[in-house]
Amino acid sequence: MSADVLDVQVDEEFTVDEESDQGIQKLKENVKKKKGRGFGGGGDEGGIRTADDDFEAMKVDTSESGPQRSVEGWILFVTGVHEEASEEDINDKFGEYGEIKNMHVNLDRRTGFLKGYALVEYETFKEAQKAIDALNGSDMLGQSINVDWAFVRGKKRGGGGRRR
């Protein structure tokens, strides 16, 4: 849906003369028709904002491999979670190693049970590392769970050639 906007710039006053349409002609001359969004900012883009103007880039160290911090914290990927486990069970287990900033537990729509994995987010690297060291391979509701980083920066491969 597009909206038309009329921008009227009147330099001198005019009166509407019923006998002639001079006033209407003056009005039409002073009208600039603009369509679409973002026409009010001026500049070369016609007022359209660009990402360079509005957002600041996140500094990422790409020099070595290892865990990668997300925008808000350090996220762990937990697999092998028993389908009957609850969010409270996971919170109790992982809460011992630091304050959990955020947690996502996805459920199967049809059954209502867990899908077998969870994402747990910590504020600091140390808390997340303690949880990985202590809980990777541990038992939860009779099932072994695996805990690892959700985001990992890969190793740089040298050569750049094609593998055959």
N, C-alpha and C. Protein backbone atom coordinates (compact mmCIF):
# COMPACT_ATOMS: atom_id res chain seq x y z
N MET A 1 0.84 -1.16 0.00
CA MET A 1 0.00 0.00 0.00
C MET A 1 0.89 1.23 0.00
N SER A 2 0.68 2.12 -0.90
CA SER A 2 1.49 3.31 -1.03
C SER A 2 0.63 4.54 -0.75
N ALA A 3 1.22 5.48 -0.04
CA ALA A 3 0.48 6.70 0.29
C ALA A 3 1.09 7.86 -0.48
N ASP A 4 0.23 8.71 -1.02
CA ASP A 4 0.68 9.91 -1.71
C ASP A 4 0.65 11.06 -0.72
N VAL A 5 1.70 11.88 -0.74
CA VAL A 5 1.78 13.02 0.17
C VAL A 5 1.99 14.27 -0.66
N LEU A 6 1.23 15.29 -0.36
CA LEU A 6 1.38 16.55 -1.05
C LEU A 6 2.07 17.54 -0.14
N ASP A 7 3.16 18.11 -0.63
CA ASP A 7 3.93 19.10 0.13
C ASP A 7 3.72 20.44 -0.55
N VAL A 8 2.98 21.33 0.07
CA VAL A 8 2.64 22.61 -0.53
C VAL A 8 3.56 23.68 0.02
N GLN A 9 4.24 24.40 -0.89
CA GLN A 9 5.09 25.52 -0.50
C GLN A 9 4.51 26.77 -1.13
N VAL A 10 3.98 27.64 -0.32
CA VAL A 10 3.33 28.85 -0.83
C VAL A 10 4.25 30.03 -0.53
N ASP A 11 4.71 30.70 -1.61
CA ASP A 11 5.58 31.86 -1.45
C ASP A 11 4.77 33.14 -1.23
N GLU A 12 3.64 33.22 -1.83
CA GLU A 12 2.81 34.39 -1.69
C GLU A 12 1.36 33.95 -1.50
N GLU A 13 0.61 34.79 -0.85
CA GLU A 13 -0.78 34.45 -0.62
C GLU A 13 -1.57 34.61 -1.91
N PHE A 14 -2.60 33.80 -2.03
CA PHE A 14 -3.46 33.91 -3.20
C PHE A 14 -4.90 33.75 -2.75
N THR A 15 -5.77 34.27 -3.54
CA THR A 15 -7.19 34.17 -3.25
C THR A 15 -7.85 33.37 -4.36
N VAL A 16 -8.88 32.68 -4.00
CA VAL A 16 -9.62 31.90 -4.98
C VAL A 16 -10.63 32.82 -5.64
N ASP A 17 -10.49 32.98 -6.91
CA ASP A 17 -11.39 33.80 -7.69
C ASP A 17 -12.38 32.86 -8.36
N GLU A 18 -13.64 33.04 -8.09
CA GLU A 18 -14.62 32.13 -8.65
C GLU A 18 -14.75 32.28 -10.15
N GLU A 19 -14.40 33.44 -10.68
CA GLU A 19 -14.52 33.64 -12.12
C GLU A 19 -13.36 33.00 -12.88
N SER A 20 -12.22 32.90 -12.25
CA SER A 20 -11.08 32.27 -12.93
C SER A 20 -10.42 31.26 -12.00
N ASP A 21 -9.67 30.41 -12.60
CA ASP A 21 -9.00 29.40 -11.78
C ASP A 21 -7.52 29.72 -11.60
N GLN A 22 -7.19 31.01 -11.50
CA GLN A 22 -5.81 31.42 -11.28
C GLN A 22 -5.27 30.89 -9.96
N GLY A 23 -6.08 30.91 -8.92
CA GLY A 23 -5.64 30.42 -7.61
C GLY A 23 -5.31 28.94 -7.64
N ILE A 24 -6.12 28.19 -8.37
CA ILE A 24 -5.88 26.75 -8.49
C ILE A 24 -4.60 26.50 -9.27
N GLN A 25 -4.34 27.28 -10.29
CA GLN A 25 -3.12 27.12 -11.07
C GLN A 25 -1.89 27.42 -10.22
N LYS A 26 -1.95 28.47 -9.39
CA LYS A 26 -0.83 28.80 -8.50
C LYS A 26 -0.60 27.68 -7.50
N LEU A 27 -1.69 27.11 -6.98
CA LEU A 27 -1.59 26.01 -6.03
C LEU A 27 -0.92 24.80 -6.67
N LYS A 28 -1.30 24.47 -7.89
CA LYS A 28 -0.71 23.34 -8.60
C LYS A 28 0.77 23.56 -8.88
N GLU A 29 1.19 24.79 -9.12
CA GLU A 29 2.59 25.09 -9.39
C GLU A 29 3.46 24.90 -8.14
N ASN A 30 2.90 25.12 -6.98
CA ASN A 30 3.66 25.06 -5.73
C ASN A 30 3.64 23.69 -5.05
N VAL A 31 3.03 22.71 -5.68
CA VAL A 31 2.91 21.38 -5.08
C VAL A 31 4.02 20.48 -5.59
N LYS A 32 4.65 19.74 -4.64
CA LYS A 32 5.62 18.71 -5.01
C LYS A 32 5.04 17.37 -4.55
N LYS A 33 4.88 16.46 -5.46
CA LYS A 33 4.27 15.17 -5.14
C LYS A 33 5.37 14.17 -4.78
N LYS A 34 5.23 13.52 -3.64
CA LYS A 34 6.21 12.53 -3.18
C LYS A 34 5.48 11.25 -2.85
N LYS A 35 6.04 10.12 -3.25
CA LYS A 35 5.45 8.82 -2.98
C LYS A 35 6.38 7.97 -2.12
N GLY A 36 5.81 7.04 -1.39
CA GLY A 36 6.59 6.04 -0.68
C GLY A 36 7.04 6.48 0.70
N ARG A 37 7.87 5.60 1.30
CA ARG A 37 8.37 5.85 2.65
C ARG A 37 9.74 6.49 2.60
N GLY A 38 10.10 7.20 3.68
CA GLY A 38 11.44 7.69 3.85
C GLY A 38 11.81 8.89 3.01
N PHE A 39 10.85 9.72 2.61
CA PHE A 39 11.17 10.84 1.74
C PHE A 39 11.52 12.10 2.52
N GLY A 40 11.46 12.06 3.84
CA GLY A 40 11.62 13.28 4.63
C GLY A 40 13.02 13.57 5.11
N GLY A 41 14.01 12.73 4.87
CA GLY A 41 15.32 12.92 5.48
C GLY A 41 16.28 13.77 4.70
N GLY A 42 16.07 14.00 3.43
CA GLY A 42 17.04 14.73 2.64
C GLY A 42 18.21 13.82 2.30
N GLY A 43 19.27 14.35 1.74
CA GLY A 43 20.43 13.54 1.39
C GLY A 43 20.26 12.86 0.05
N ASP A 44 21.26 12.10 -0.34
CA ASP A 44 21.27 11.46 -1.65
C ASP A 44 20.29 10.30 -1.75
N GLU A 45 20.05 9.60 -0.65
CA GLU A 45 19.18 8.42 -0.70
C GLU A 45 17.70 8.80 -0.59
N GLY A 46 17.40 10.05 -0.53
CA GLY A 46 16.01 10.47 -0.42
C GLY A 46 15.44 10.19 0.96
N GLY A 47 16.28 10.22 1.99
CA GLY A 47 15.81 10.01 3.35
C GLY A 47 15.83 8.58 3.80
N ILE A 48 16.31 7.66 2.99
CA ILE A 48 16.34 6.25 3.38
C ILE A 48 17.58 6.02 4.24
N ARG A 49 17.37 5.40 5.41
CA ARG A 49 18.48 5.14 6.30
C ARG A 49 19.20 3.86 5.89
N THR A 50 20.50 3.85 6.07
CA THR A 50 21.29 2.67 5.73
C THR A 50 21.82 2.03 7.00
N ALA A 51 22.25 0.78 6.92
CA ALA A 51 22.76 0.06 8.08
C ALA A 51 24.02 0.71 8.62
N ASP A 52 24.82 1.32 7.78
CA ASP A 52 26.05 1.96 8.24
C ASP A 52 25.76 3.11 9.19
N ASP A 53 24.64 3.77 8.99
CA ASP A 53 24.30 4.91 9.83
C ASP A 53 23.70 4.50 11.17
N ASP A 54 22.93 3.41 11.20
CA ASP A 54 22.13 3.09 12.37
C ASP A 54 22.72 2.05 13.32
N PHE A 55 23.58 1.18 12.83
CA PHE A 55 24.04 0.08 13.65
C PHE A 55 25.55 0.12 13.80
N GLU A 56 26.01 -0.31 14.95
CA GLU A 56 27.46 -0.42 15.08
C GLU A 56 27.83 -1.89 15.03
N ALA A 57 28.94 -2.18 14.40
CA ALA A 57 29.35 -3.56 14.17
C ALA A 57 29.90 -4.17 15.45
N MET A 58 29.69 -5.48 15.58
CA MET A 58 30.23 -6.22 16.71
C MET A 58 31.65 -6.64 16.38
N LYS A 59 32.59 -6.36 17.27
CA LYS A 59 33.98 -6.71 17.03
C LYS A 59 34.15 -8.21 17.27
N VAL A 60 34.67 -8.91 16.27
CA VAL A 60 34.84 -10.36 16.35
C VAL A 60 36.29 -10.68 16.12
N ASP A 61 36.87 -11.45 17.04
CA ASP A 61 38.26 -11.89 16.90
C ASP A 61 38.26 -13.18 16.10
N THR A 62 38.80 -13.12 14.88
CA THR A 62 38.82 -14.30 14.01
C THR A 62 40.21 -14.92 13.92
N SER A 63 41.10 -14.55 14.84
CA SER A 63 42.48 -15.01 14.74
C SER A 63 42.66 -16.48 15.12
N GLU A 64 41.84 -17.00 16.03
CA GLU A 64 42.02 -18.39 16.44
C GLU A 64 40.68 -19.09 16.60
N SER A 65 40.71 -20.42 16.63
CA SER A 65 39.47 -21.17 16.76
C SER A 65 39.09 -21.29 18.24
N GLY A 66 37.83 -21.65 18.48
CA GLY A 66 37.36 -21.81 19.84
C GLY A 66 35.92 -21.36 19.96
N PRO A 67 35.42 -21.27 21.20
CA PRO A 67 34.02 -20.87 21.38
C PRO A 67 33.80 -19.42 20.95
N GLN A 68 32.62 -19.18 20.45
CA GLN A 68 32.25 -17.85 19.96
C GLN A 68 31.15 -17.30 20.84
N ARG A 69 31.30 -16.08 21.30
CA ARG A 69 30.28 -15.43 22.12
C ARG A 69 29.15 -14.95 21.21
N SER A 70 27.91 -15.14 21.66
CA SER A 70 26.79 -14.57 20.92
C SER A 70 26.68 -13.09 21.31
N VAL A 71 25.70 -12.41 20.78
CA VAL A 71 25.54 -10.99 21.06
C VAL A 71 25.29 -10.75 22.55
N GLU A 72 24.54 -11.62 23.19
CA GLU A 72 24.16 -11.39 24.58
C GLU A 72 24.94 -12.20 25.60
N GLY A 73 25.50 -13.34 25.23
CA GLY A 73 26.20 -14.16 26.22
C GLY A 73 26.82 -15.39 25.60
N TRP A 74 27.17 -16.35 26.46
CA TRP A 74 27.80 -17.61 26.04
C TRP A 74 26.74 -18.70 26.04
N ILE A 75 26.47 -19.29 24.88
CA ILE A 75 25.37 -20.24 24.74
C ILE A 75 25.90 -21.66 24.63
N LEU A 76 25.30 -22.55 25.43
CA LEU A 76 25.64 -23.97 25.41
C LEU A 76 24.53 -24.75 24.71
N PHE A 77 24.94 -25.75 23.96
CA PHE A 77 24.00 -26.63 23.26
C PHE A 77 24.00 -27.95 24.01
N VAL A 78 22.86 -28.32 24.56
CA VAL A 78 22.72 -29.53 25.37
C VAL A 78 21.92 -30.54 24.57
N THR A 79 22.52 -31.71 24.31
CA THR A 79 21.83 -32.76 23.55
C THR A 79 21.65 -33.99 24.42
N GLY A 80 20.76 -34.87 23.99
CA GLY A 80 20.49 -36.09 24.74
C GLY A 80 19.59 -35.88 25.94
N VAL A 81 18.86 -34.78 25.96
CA VAL A 81 17.96 -34.47 27.07
C VAL A 81 16.75 -35.40 26.98
N HIS A 82 16.39 -36.01 28.10
CA HIS A 82 15.26 -36.94 28.15
C HIS A 82 13.98 -36.20 27.76
N GLU A 83 13.11 -36.88 27.01
CA GLU A 83 11.90 -36.23 26.50
C GLU A 83 10.93 -35.80 27.59
N GLU A 84 11.00 -36.42 28.75
CA GLU A 84 10.10 -36.05 29.85
C GLU A 84 10.73 -35.05 30.82
N ALA A 85 11.91 -34.56 30.51
CA ALA A 85 12.55 -33.54 31.35
C ALA A 85 11.78 -32.23 31.20
N SER A 86 11.82 -31.43 32.25
CA SER A 86 11.13 -30.14 32.21
C SER A 86 12.17 -29.02 32.21
N GLU A 87 11.70 -27.83 31.95
CA GLU A 87 12.58 -26.66 31.98
C GLU A 87 13.16 -26.47 33.38
N GLU A 88 12.37 -26.81 34.38
CA GLU A 88 12.82 -26.71 35.77
C GLU A 88 13.96 -27.68 36.05
N ASP A 89 13.89 -28.91 35.50
CA ASP A 89 14.97 -29.89 35.69
C ASP A 89 16.28 -29.36 35.12
N ILE A 90 16.21 -28.79 33.93
CA ILE A 90 17.41 -28.26 33.28
C ILE A 90 17.93 -27.05 34.05
N ASN A 91 17.02 -26.20 34.51
CA ASN A 91 17.41 -25.02 35.28
C ASN A 91 18.10 -25.43 36.58
N ASP A 92 17.59 -26.45 37.27
CA ASP A 92 18.21 -26.92 38.51
C ASP A 92 19.60 -27.47 38.26
N LYS A 93 19.75 -28.24 37.19
CA LYS A 93 21.03 -28.88 36.87
C LYS A 93 22.09 -27.85 36.47
N PHE A 94 21.73 -26.89 35.61
CA PHE A 94 22.70 -25.93 35.10
C PHE A 94 22.84 -24.69 35.98
N GLY A 95 21.86 -24.45 36.84
CA GLY A 95 21.90 -23.29 37.73
C GLY A 95 22.98 -23.37 38.78
N GLU A 96 23.50 -24.56 39.05
CA GLU A 96 24.56 -24.73 40.05
C GLU A 96 25.88 -24.10 39.61
N TYR A 97 26.06 -23.84 38.33
CA TYR A 97 27.34 -23.38 37.80
C TYR A 97 27.34 -21.90 37.42
N GLY A 98 26.27 -21.21 37.70
CA GLY A 98 26.18 -19.78 37.44
C GLY A 98 24.75 -19.38 37.13
N GLU A 99 24.55 -18.08 37.05
CA GLU A 99 23.21 -17.58 36.75
C GLU A 99 22.87 -17.80 35.28
N ILE A 100 21.75 -18.46 35.04
CA ILE A 100 21.31 -18.72 33.68
C ILE A 100 20.61 -17.45 33.18
N LYS A 101 21.15 -16.90 32.10
CA LYS A 101 20.60 -15.67 31.55
C LYS A 101 19.37 -15.94 30.70
N ASN A 102 19.40 -17.06 29.96
CA ASN A 102 18.30 -17.39 29.07
C ASN A 102 18.34 -18.90 28.80
N MET A 103 17.16 -19.47 28.53
CA MET A 103 17.10 -20.89 28.23
C MET A 103 15.99 -21.14 27.21
N HIS A 104 16.29 -21.99 26.22
CA HIS A 104 15.29 -22.38 25.22
C HIS A 104 15.16 -23.89 25.26
N VAL A 105 13.94 -24.35 25.47
CA VAL A 105 13.63 -25.77 25.46
C VAL A 105 12.50 -25.96 24.45
N ASN A 106 12.82 -26.59 23.33
CA ASN A 106 11.82 -26.77 22.27
C ASN A 106 11.00 -28.02 22.51
N LEU A 107 9.69 -27.88 22.31
CA LEU A 107 8.77 -28.99 22.51
C LEU A 107 8.22 -29.48 21.18
N ASP A 108 7.93 -30.76 21.12
CA ASP A 108 7.29 -31.35 19.95
C ASP A 108 5.82 -30.93 19.98
N ARG A 109 5.32 -30.38 18.91
CA ARG A 109 3.93 -29.90 18.87
C ARG A 109 2.92 -31.02 19.05
N ARG A 110 3.22 -32.16 18.48
CA ARG A 110 2.26 -33.27 18.50
C ARG A 110 2.19 -33.92 19.88
N THR A 111 3.35 -34.21 20.47
CA THR A 111 3.36 -34.95 21.74
C THR A 111 3.44 -34.05 22.97
N GLY A 112 4.02 -32.86 22.82
CA GLY A 112 4.20 -31.96 23.96
C GLY A 112 5.46 -32.25 24.75
N PHE A 113 6.24 -33.26 24.33
CA PHE A 113 7.49 -33.59 25.01
C PHE A 113 8.64 -32.81 24.41
N LEU A 114 9.77 -32.78 25.15
CA LEU A 114 10.98 -32.14 24.66
C LEU A 114 11.47 -32.83 23.40
N LYS A 115 12.12 -32.06 22.55
CA LYS A 115 12.67 -32.63 21.32
C LYS A 115 14.03 -33.29 21.55
N GLY A 116 14.60 -33.16 22.72
CA GLY A 116 15.86 -33.83 23.02
C GLY A 116 17.06 -32.91 23.10
N TYR A 117 16.83 -31.60 22.97
CA TYR A 117 17.94 -30.66 23.10
C TYR A 117 17.46 -29.39 23.77
N ALA A 118 18.43 -28.62 24.27
CA ALA A 118 18.13 -27.34 24.91
C ALA A 118 19.29 -26.39 24.67
N LEU A 119 19.01 -25.11 24.74
CA LEU A 119 20.03 -24.07 24.65
C LEU A 119 20.03 -23.33 25.99
N VAL A 120 21.22 -23.26 26.61
CA VAL A 120 21.36 -22.59 27.91
C VAL A 120 22.38 -21.48 27.75
N GLU A 121 22.03 -20.27 28.19
CA GLU A 121 22.91 -19.11 28.02
C GLU A 121 23.39 -18.58 29.37
N TYR A 122 24.70 -18.36 29.46
CA TYR A 122 25.33 -17.77 30.64
C TYR A 122 25.89 -16.41 30.27
N GLU A 123 26.02 -15.56 31.28
CA GLU A 123 26.57 -14.21 31.07
C GLU A 123 28.08 -14.25 30.84
N THR A 124 28.79 -15.09 31.61
CA THR A 124 30.25 -15.10 31.53
C THR A 124 30.79 -16.41 30.95
N PHE A 125 31.98 -16.32 30.39
CA PHE A 125 32.65 -17.48 29.81
C PHE A 125 32.97 -18.51 30.90
N LYS A 126 33.41 -18.04 32.08
CA LYS A 126 33.80 -18.95 33.17
C LYS A 126 32.64 -19.82 33.63
N GLU A 127 31.46 -19.23 33.77
CA GLU A 127 30.29 -20.00 34.19
C GLU A 127 29.95 -21.07 33.16
N ALA A 128 29.98 -20.70 31.89
CA ALA A 128 29.65 -21.64 30.83
C ALA A 128 30.68 -22.76 30.76
N GLN A 129 31.95 -22.42 30.91
CA GLN A 129 33.01 -23.43 30.86
C GLN A 129 32.90 -24.39 32.04
N LYS A 130 32.57 -23.89 33.23
CA LYS A 130 32.37 -24.77 34.39
C LYS A 130 31.23 -25.75 34.14
N ALA A 131 30.15 -25.27 33.54
CA ALA A 131 29.00 -26.14 33.25
C ALA A 131 29.38 -27.22 32.24
N ILE A 132 30.14 -26.87 31.22
CA ILE A 132 30.57 -27.86 30.23
C ILE A 132 31.45 -28.91 30.88
N ASP A 133 32.44 -28.46 31.64
CA ASP A 133 33.37 -29.40 32.28
C ASP A 133 32.66 -30.36 33.22
N ALA A 134 31.68 -29.86 33.98
CA ALA A 134 31.01 -30.69 34.98
C ALA A 134 29.90 -31.56 34.39
N LEU A 135 29.17 -31.06 33.39
CA LEU A 135 27.96 -31.74 32.96
C LEU A 135 28.08 -32.54 31.66
N ASN A 136 29.13 -32.34 30.89
CA ASN A 136 29.27 -33.09 29.64
C ASN A 136 29.46 -34.57 29.96
N GLY A 137 28.56 -35.40 29.48
CA GLY A 137 28.61 -36.83 29.75
C GLY A 137 27.94 -37.24 31.05
N SER A 138 27.35 -36.29 31.76
CA SER A 138 26.68 -36.62 33.03
C SER A 138 25.30 -37.21 32.77
N ASP A 139 24.66 -37.64 33.86
CA ASP A 139 23.37 -38.31 33.78
C ASP A 139 22.25 -37.35 34.18
N MET A 140 21.17 -37.35 33.39
CA MET A 140 20.00 -36.54 33.72
C MET A 140 18.75 -37.37 33.42
N LEU A 141 18.00 -37.70 34.45
CA LEU A 141 16.80 -38.54 34.34
C LEU A 141 17.12 -39.87 33.65
N GLY A 142 18.25 -40.46 34.01
CA GLY A 142 18.62 -41.77 33.49
C GLY A 142 19.18 -41.76 32.08
N GLN A 143 19.46 -40.60 31.55
CA GLN A 143 19.98 -40.49 30.18
C GLN A 143 21.22 -39.60 30.19
N SER A 144 22.24 -40.00 29.44
CA SER A 144 23.49 -39.24 29.36
C SER A 144 23.29 -38.02 28.47
N ILE A 145 23.73 -36.85 28.97
CA ILE A 145 23.61 -35.62 28.19
C ILE A 145 24.99 -35.17 27.70
N ASN A 146 25.00 -34.51 26.55
CA ASN A 146 26.22 -33.93 26.00
C ASN A 146 26.07 -32.42 26.02
N VAL A 147 27.11 -31.73 26.50
CA VAL A 147 27.08 -30.27 26.61
C VAL A 147 28.29 -29.72 25.87
N ASP A 148 28.03 -28.80 24.95
CA ASP A 148 29.11 -28.18 24.19
C ASP A 148 28.70 -26.76 23.81
N TRP A 149 29.63 -26.01 23.24
CA TRP A 149 29.36 -24.64 22.81
C TRP A 149 28.39 -24.65 21.63
N ALA A 150 27.46 -23.72 21.62
CA ALA A 150 26.52 -23.61 20.51
C ALA A 150 27.20 -22.98 19.30
N PHE A 151 28.10 -22.01 19.54
CA PHE A 151 28.79 -21.32 18.45
C PHE A 151 30.28 -21.53 18.62
N VAL A 152 30.91 -22.10 17.59
CA VAL A 152 32.34 -22.36 17.63
C VAL A 152 32.97 -21.80 16.36
N ARG A 153 34.03 -21.06 16.55
CA ARG A 153 34.79 -20.53 15.42
C ARG A 153 35.68 -21.65 14.90
N GLY A 154 35.56 -21.96 13.63
CA GLY A 154 36.31 -23.05 13.05
C GLY A 154 37.76 -22.71 12.80
N LYS A 155 38.58 -23.74 12.62
CA LYS A 155 39.99 -23.54 12.32
C LYS A 155 40.14 -23.09 10.88
N LYS A 156 41.12 -22.24 10.67
CA LYS A 156 41.40 -21.79 9.31
C LYS A 156 42.14 -22.89 8.57
N ARG A 157 41.66 -23.19 7.38
CA ARG A 157 42.33 -24.19 6.55
C ARG A 157 43.26 -23.49 5.60
N GLY A 158 44.45 -23.99 5.53
CA GLY A 158 45.44 -23.38 4.63
C GLY A 158 45.32 -23.94 3.23
N GLY A 159 46.07 -23.37 2.35
CA GLY A 159 46.13 -23.89 0.99
C GLY A 159 45.13 -23.25 0.06
N GLY A 160 43.92 -23.21 0.43
CA GLY A 160 42.89 -22.62 -0.41
C GLY A 160 42.60 -23.41 -1.67
N GLY A 161 43.29 -24.52 -1.85
CA GLY A 161 43.09 -25.32 -3.04
C GLY A 161 41.88 -26.23 -2.93
N ARG A 162 41.59 -26.89 -4.00
CA ARG A 162 40.42 -27.77 -4.02
C ARG A 162 40.80 -29.15 -3.52
N ARG A 163 40.01 -29.71 -2.63
CA ARG A 163 40.27 -31.06 -2.11
C ARG A 163 39.68 -32.09 -3.07
N ARG A 164 40.42 -33.14 -3.30
CA ARG A 164 39.94 -34.19 -4.21
C ARG A 164 39.85 -35.50 -3.51
